[in-house]
Structure formats: structure tokens, C-alpha cells
């Protein structure tokens, strides 16, 4: 049984960091370099799931616990790692994001008794190498109220011990970060503005539509399960209000709507079949990462 969050022994890890990883050979080393810069600061569990590359081998070079799971399932990887991890708070961290160890520690400090139940960092999405129309989509997406306040799409979430118990009770969902964010009332969650996480966007329109199809499929699954509230939806009224407040975005809104509709069309077959496990993945967001296995 782990020690309470406020009664941790000196020198023990400040949190358990759980990193689900599926074919992230090119990105996992970049993240683990940051997490392991000060050995022992975090207990890190890398849950490799269904990997066909050298993700597990790269992770094994670091002072972390590596799980090599045969099934490509992020939800089950998270659950398996949760059973191994021993420390609270817990941090759930996507393998392809970038965050510093100090930033992660500040994120952890934001949760616990008397503080938030769940915390996420400020999102930074670099635009270098991103096509013009893809940039326009993200310009609108990042300005949406639901995106600014929601904890989804950040690739990093810290939860308190009580919050982790709530996360464990959630059903397996494709839109895991959305469902996790929605499991907490607005007063229980916080975006820590002085902590930045770099989330690499899709670089091409084709890869963006693939990513958007995954979002659409995950949203439908969450809707059917009653796990997505009205505040997590974007309406035409929201877009109209956004244009009124920021007229410069008006030419970009049709591009945003076009990508949303294209994503819905691409997701239609999976939704009809009830396929909420096939993970549409874009490779372009990982194009700049260093392959640590070579």
C-alpha cells in the first residue's frame, strides 16, 4: 500500500508517471531523457502495448519499469501500469509529448488534499513544418472555449490519490483523456498555466483528417455511454461567437468545418460497425523525432 500523498518519506518519488506507448520507438527516448534527468524523482512505468518496433528496447535503457504487453490497447496498458505503480499522485503521459521534469513536478504539486483532483499543463502546439490549411484548423481549434478549458488533447494529466480511484472506475474508452476530464467537475480540475507541454500536431491535412476521424469515433462512443457533457461539445453557435470575438479567424472557420466533416465521413464505417478499438494514427506529427534505436 502506498504512502499518503502528504506523508511521503524524504527521497521517495514525488509521483508515479505512467506512459502508454504503442510503436513510439522514435519519441520515447526524448520523453524519458527529461523524466530520468534526476533518477528517483519519479517512479516511471512505460506500458508498451502491441509494439512492432523497438519501443520496449529503447525504454529498457532507462531506470524505468517496462511492461511489454501483447495487445495494442491504450486503455488496458493504463490499467496494467496502474496495478504496478506504487506512488501517488499519478501522472498519465503520452509518449509523444514533451515536458520537463520540473514542469511535471509543478503539475503534481497542483493536486492532492485541499487542491485540485486533476491537473493538466498549458498546451503548446508548434507550427513548424505544418501545412497552411492544417495550421488554420488548429488556429480555430485552440481558440475554442471547450479546448481552452478542457483537459483533453494535452497528453499529460496528474491526478490525486482520490482522483486516481475515480479514474480506475471509468470504462475503457477510445477518447480516454476526454472521458477522464469529464469525470471531474470544473471546480475539481485546473490547467496549470506556468507548466507547458509540447503537443506535436499533425503536419498534413490527410493525417489531420485521420486524427479527426479518431476523435469523432471516440466522441460517439463517449456519447453512447453518457460520458460527454454539453460543455465538451462545440456548436455552430460557438464558432459564430468565436468569429465575432476574433474576426481574423473567419477565413479559417470553413477549413475547420471541412476537416470536421471529413473526419466524420472517414469515421462513419467504424461507427456503424461499433469499432471503437481501431486507432487512426498520423505519422507526420512524429516526423521530427529522433529514432533512438539506430
Protein backbone atom coordinates (compact mmCIF):
# COMPACT_ATOMS: atom_id res chain seq x y z
CA UNK A 1 0.00 0.00 0.00
CA UNK A 2 1.43 3.38 -1.00
CA UNK A 3 2.06 6.19 1.48
CA UNK A 4 -0.48 9.03 1.65
CA UNK A 5 0.35 11.97 -0.60
CA UNK A 6 1.19 14.27 2.31
CA UNK A 7 3.21 11.68 4.27
CA UNK A 8 5.88 10.65 1.78
CA UNK A 9 9.33 9.68 3.04
CA UNK A 10 12.20 12.02 2.09
CA UNK A 11 13.90 10.91 -1.11
CA UNK A 12 10.96 8.83 -2.32
CA UNK A 13 9.37 9.54 -5.74
CA UNK A 14 7.02 12.51 -5.87
CA UNK A 15 4.63 10.67 -8.21
CA UNK A 16 4.16 7.64 -10.40
CA UNK A 17 4.32 8.50 -14.10
CA UNK A 18 2.53 6.12 -16.44
CA UNK A 19 3.44 6.23 -20.13
CA UNK A 20 1.38 4.06 -22.51
CA UNK A 21 3.40 3.55 -25.69
CA UNK A 22 2.46 1.88 -28.98
CA UNK A 23 5.22 1.91 -31.61
CA UNK A 24 6.88 5.01 -30.13
CA UNK A 25 10.49 3.99 -30.77
CA UNK A 26 11.20 7.42 -32.26
CA UNK A 27 9.71 9.51 -29.44
CA UNK A 28 10.01 7.56 -26.18
CA UNK A 29 13.69 8.37 -25.64
CA UNK A 30 13.04 12.08 -25.98
CA UNK A 31 10.47 11.92 -23.18
CA UNK A 32 12.47 9.59 -20.93
CA UNK A 33 15.57 11.78 -21.22
CA UNK A 34 13.56 14.50 -19.48
CA UNK A 35 11.85 12.26 -16.92
CA UNK A 36 15.04 10.47 -15.90
CA UNK A 37 17.33 13.51 -15.74
CA UNK A 38 17.14 13.21 -11.96
CA UNK A 39 16.91 9.46 -11.18
CA UNK A 40 14.42 8.58 -8.47
CA UNK A 41 12.39 11.78 -8.71
CA UNK A 42 9.53 9.89 -10.37
CA UNK A 43 8.53 6.25 -10.45
CA UNK A 44 8.03 5.74 -14.18
CA UNK A 45 6.17 2.83 -15.76
CA UNK A 46 6.26 2.52 -19.55
CA UNK A 47 3.42 0.30 -20.74
CA UNK A 48 4.40 -0.82 -24.23
CA UNK A 49 1.32 -2.28 -25.88
CA UNK A 50 1.22 -4.23 -29.13
CA UNK A 51 4.52 -2.74 -30.29
CA UNK A 52 6.06 -3.97 -33.53
CA UNK A 53 9.18 -1.81 -33.23
CA UNK A 54 11.89 -1.25 -30.63
CA UNK A 55 9.89 0.84 -28.15
CA UNK A 56 10.41 -1.61 -25.27
CA UNK A 57 14.12 -1.95 -26.01
CA UNK A 58 14.64 1.82 -26.02
CA UNK A 59 12.67 2.25 -22.78
CA UNK A 60 14.67 -0.54 -21.13
CA UNK A 61 17.83 1.60 -21.38
CA UNK A 62 16.38 3.95 -18.75
CA UNK A 63 15.78 3.46 -14.99
CA UNK A 64 12.07 2.78 -15.51
CA UNK A 65 9.73 -0.21 -15.25
CA UNK A 66 8.85 -1.55 -18.70
CA UNK A 67 5.74 -3.61 -19.36
CA UNK A 68 5.68 -5.39 -22.72
CA UNK A 69 2.01 -6.14 -23.38
CA UNK A 70 0.92 -8.06 -26.49
CA UNK A 71 -2.35 -6.24 -27.16
CA UNK A 72 -2.38 -2.76 -28.79
CA UNK A 73 -4.79 -1.15 -26.32
CA UNK A 74 -4.02 2.15 -24.60
CA UNK A 75 -6.83 1.68 -22.06
CA UNK A 76 -5.58 -1.74 -21.00
CA UNK A 77 -1.99 -0.52 -20.93
CA UNK A 78 -3.01 2.21 -18.50
CA UNK A 79 -4.79 -0.30 -16.26
CA UNK A 80 -1.85 -2.71 -16.28
CA UNK A 81 0.57 0.09 -15.36
CA UNK A 82 -1.75 1.34 -12.61
CA UNK A 83 -1.56 -2.10 -10.99
CA UNK A 84 2.25 -1.93 -10.97
CA UNK A 85 2.71 1.70 -9.88
CA UNK A 86 3.04 2.33 -6.14
CA UNK A 87 3.13 6.10 -5.69
CA UNK A 88 0.52 8.87 -5.67
CA UNK A 89 -0.23 11.29 -7.24
CA UNK A 90 -0.37 9.60 -10.63
CA UNK A 91 0.58 11.20 -13.92
CA UNK A 92 -0.69 9.83 -17.24
CA UNK A 93 1.66 10.94 -20.00
CA UNK A 94 1.52 10.31 -23.75
CA UNK A 95 4.81 9.05 -25.16
CA UNK A 96 4.98 11.60 -27.98
CA UNK A 97 4.70 14.81 -25.95
CA UNK A 98 7.49 16.91 -24.45
CA UNK A 99 7.52 18.19 -20.87
CA UNK A 100 10.31 18.94 -18.41
CA UNK A 101 10.80 17.14 -15.11
CA UNK A 102 10.41 20.43 -13.23
CA UNK A 103 7.19 21.14 -15.08
CA UNK A 104 5.90 17.69 -14.24
CA UNK A 105 6.75 18.23 -10.56
CA UNK A 106 4.79 21.51 -10.55
CA UNK A 107 1.86 19.72 -12.16
CA UNK A 108 1.97 17.07 -9.44
CA UNK A 109 2.08 19.79 -6.74
CA UNK A 110 -1.24 21.16 -8.04
CA UNK A 111 -3.19 18.05 -6.99
CA UNK A 112 -3.88 16.50 -3.61
CA UNK A 113 -5.81 17.21 -0.40
CA UNK A 114 -7.06 20.79 -0.40
CA UNK A 115 -6.03 21.26 -4.03
CA UNK A 116 -7.34 20.08 -7.40
CA UNK A 117 -8.24 16.45 -8.06
CA UNK A 118 -6.83 16.59 -11.59
CA UNK A 119 -4.43 18.98 -13.30
CA UNK A 120 -3.10 19.46 -16.82
CA UNK A 121 -0.43 21.75 -18.30
CA UNK A 122 -0.80 24.58 -20.78
CA UNK A 123 -0.77 23.20 -24.31
CA UNK A 124 1.87 24.36 -26.84
CA UNK A 125 1.48 23.22 -30.45
CA UNK A 126 4.46 24.16 -32.64
CA UNK A 127 3.54 25.03 -36.22
CA UNK A 128 6.92 24.47 -37.90
CA UNK A 129 6.55 22.12 -40.85
CA UNK A 130 2.73 22.15 -40.63
CA UNK A 131 0.81 22.79 -43.85
CA UNK A 132 -1.13 26.06 -44.17
CA UNK A 133 -4.62 24.55 -44.07
CA UNK A 134 -3.68 22.33 -41.15
CA UNK A 135 -2.39 25.39 -39.28
CA UNK A 136 -5.69 27.14 -39.96
CA UNK A 137 -7.61 24.24 -38.46
CA UNK A 138 -5.50 24.32 -35.30
CA UNK A 139 -5.81 28.12 -35.05
CA UNK A 140 -9.58 27.71 -34.72
CA UNK A 141 -9.43 24.56 -32.58
CA UNK A 142 -7.11 26.08 -29.99
CA UNK A 143 -9.34 29.16 -29.69
CA UNK A 144 -12.49 27.18 -28.85
CA UNK A 145 -13.71 27.59 -25.25
CA UNK A 146 -14.07 23.84 -24.77
CA UNK A 147 -10.47 23.30 -25.90
CA UNK A 148 -9.10 26.11 -23.72
CA UNK A 149 -10.81 24.86 -20.56
CA UNK A 150 -10.89 21.10 -21.14
CA UNK A 151 -8.04 18.84 -20.06
CA UNK A 152 -8.17 16.68 -23.20
CA UNK A 153 -5.68 16.91 -26.05
CA UNK A 154 -2.79 17.82 -23.76
CA UNK A 155 -1.17 14.41 -23.40
CA UNK A 156 -0.44 14.97 -19.70
CA UNK A 157 -2.72 14.65 -16.69
CA UNK A 158 -1.90 14.49 -12.98
CA UNK A 159 -4.49 13.06 -10.59
CA UNK A 160 -4.60 12.90 -6.81
CA UNK A 161 -4.95 9.58 -4.98
CA UNK A 162 -8.71 10.03 -4.70
CA UNK A 163 -8.83 11.14 -8.31
CA UNK A 164 -6.94 8.03 -9.39
CA UNK A 165 -9.57 5.86 -7.74
CA UNK A 166 -12.20 7.61 -9.84
CA UNK A 167 -10.14 7.08 -12.99
CA UNK A 168 -9.83 3.36 -12.22
CA UNK A 169 -13.63 3.08 -12.16
CA UNK A 170 -14.04 4.55 -15.66
CA UNK A 171 -14.91 2.18 -18.53
CA UNK A 172 -12.42 1.60 -21.34
CA UNK A 173 -12.91 4.37 -23.88
CA UNK A 174 -11.13 5.43 -27.06
CA UNK A 175 -11.39 9.11 -26.02
CA UNK A 176 -9.73 8.35 -22.69
CA UNK A 177 -8.50 11.88 -21.93
CA UNK A 178 -11.88 13.42 -22.75
CA UNK A 179 -13.72 10.92 -20.55
CA UNK A 180 -11.20 11.47 -17.75
CA UNK A 181 -11.63 15.24 -17.98
CA UNK A 182 -15.41 14.87 -17.95
CA UNK A 183 -15.26 12.65 -14.84
CA UNK A 184 -14.31 15.72 -12.78
CA UNK A 185 -16.38 18.83 -12.18
CA UNK A 186 -14.87 22.13 -13.36
CA UNK A 187 -14.12 23.08 -9.74
CA UNK A 188 -12.07 19.88 -9.32
CA UNK A 189 -9.75 20.44 -12.27
CA UNK A 190 -7.13 23.01 -13.14
CA UNK A 191 -4.91 23.98 -16.05
CA UNK A 192 -1.51 24.94 -14.64
CA UNK A 193 -0.53 27.88 -16.83
CA UNK A 194 3.14 28.02 -15.80
CA UNK A 195 3.71 24.43 -16.97
CA UNK A 196 3.90 23.84 -20.72
CA UNK A 197 3.56 20.58 -22.60
CA UNK A 198 4.56 20.43 -26.26
CA UNK A 199 1.98 18.51 -28.26
CA UNK A 200 3.10 17.87 -31.82
CA UNK A 201 0.20 18.38 -34.25
CA UNK A 202 -0.46 16.55 -37.49
CA UNK A 203 1.57 18.20 -40.23
CA UNK A 204 -0.53 17.29 -43.26
CA UNK A 205 -4.23 17.63 -43.98
CA UNK A 206 -4.50 13.91 -44.69
CA UNK A 207 -3.03 12.99 -41.32
CA UNK A 208 -5.19 15.61 -39.62
CA UNK A 209 -8.34 14.01 -41.06
CA UNK A 210 -7.16 10.63 -39.78
CA UNK A 211 -6.70 12.12 -36.33
CA UNK A 212 -10.08 13.85 -36.55
CA UNK A 213 -11.75 10.55 -37.50
CA UNK A 214 -10.35 9.01 -34.31
CA UNK A 215 -11.71 11.94 -32.29
CA UNK A 216 -15.13 11.56 -33.91
CA UNK A 217 -15.25 7.84 -33.22
CA UNK A 218 -14.21 8.36 -29.62
CA UNK A 219 -16.80 11.10 -29.14
CA UNK A 220 -19.58 8.86 -30.44
CA UNK A 221 -18.55 6.10 -28.05
CA UNK A 222 -18.48 8.56 -25.14
CA UNK A 223 -21.89 9.94 -26.15
CA UNK A 224 -23.42 6.47 -26.26
CA UNK A 225 -22.06 5.79 -22.79
CA UNK A 226 -23.37 9.13 -21.49
CA UNK A 227 -19.87 10.27 -20.58
CA UNK A 228 -19.66 13.54 -22.55
CA UNK A 229 -21.47 16.60 -21.27
CA UNK A 230 -22.78 19.58 -23.22
CA UNK A 231 -19.82 21.75 -22.18
CA UNK A 232 -17.45 19.40 -24.03
CA UNK A 233 -19.21 19.93 -27.37
CA UNK A 234 -18.62 22.62 -29.97
CA UNK A 235 -21.68 24.06 -31.71
CA UNK A 236 -22.12 26.34 -34.71
CA UNK A 237 -23.12 28.99 -32.18
CA UNK A 238 -19.72 28.61 -30.52
CA UNK A 239 -18.00 29.15 -33.86
CA UNK A 240 -20.15 32.20 -34.62
CA UNK A 241 -19.31 33.69 -31.23
CA UNK A 242 -15.62 32.98 -31.82
CA UNK A 243 -15.72 34.85 -35.15
CA UNK A 244 -17.47 37.79 -33.51
CA UNK A 245 -14.75 37.97 -30.85
CA UNK A 246 -11.87 37.26 -33.23
CA UNK A 247 -12.82 38.32 -36.79
CA UNK A 248 -9.38 37.35 -38.07
CA UNK A 249 -10.33 33.70 -37.68
CA UNK A 250 -13.31 33.98 -40.05
CA UNK A 251 -11.43 32.71 -43.17
CA UNK A 252 -10.16 29.74 -41.16
CA UNK A 253 -13.52 28.54 -39.86
CA UNK A 254 -14.61 26.94 -43.20
CA UNK A 255 -11.35 24.95 -43.17
CA UNK A 256 -12.07 23.83 -39.60
CA UNK A 257 -15.60 22.76 -40.55
CA UNK A 258 -14.32 20.97 -43.64
CA UNK A 259 -11.86 18.91 -41.59
CA UNK A 260 -14.57 18.09 -39.03
CA UNK A 261 -16.93 16.88 -41.78
CA UNK A 262 -14.16 14.90 -43.50
CA UNK A 263 -13.33 13.25 -40.18
CA UNK A 264 -16.96 12.33 -39.66
CA UNK A 265 -17.14 10.79 -43.12
CA UNK A 266 -13.98 8.78 -42.53
CA UNK A 267 -15.28 7.60 -39.14
CA UNK A 268 -18.68 6.55 -40.47
CA UNK A 269 -17.78 2.92 -41.20
CA UNK A 270 -16.16 2.39 -37.80
CA UNK A 271 -19.13 3.97 -36.01
CA UNK A 272 -21.61 1.82 -37.96
CA UNK A 273 -19.63 -1.31 -37.09
CA UNK A 274 -19.24 -0.28 -33.44
CA UNK A 275 -15.47 -0.44 -33.88
CA UNK A 276 -14.11 1.62 -31.00
CA UNK A 277 -10.71 -0.05 -30.85
CA UNK A 278 -9.07 0.67 -34.22
CA UNK A 279 -6.74 3.62 -33.60
CA UNK A 280 -6.38 6.02 -36.56
CA UNK A 281 -2.80 7.27 -36.24
CA UNK A 282 -0.87 10.01 -38.00
CA UNK A 283 2.82 9.57 -38.62
CA UNK A 284 3.57 13.17 -39.61
CA UNK A 285 3.49 14.50 -36.02
CA UNK A 286 6.39 12.18 -35.21
CA UNK A 287 8.44 13.09 -38.26
CA UNK A 288 10.90 15.31 -36.39
CA UNK A 289 11.64 12.90 -33.55
CA UNK A 290 14.98 11.17 -33.26
CA UNK A 291 14.97 7.41 -33.68
CA UNK A 292 16.80 6.26 -30.51
CA UNK A 293 17.12 2.65 -31.69
CA UNK A 294 19.54 3.48 -34.52
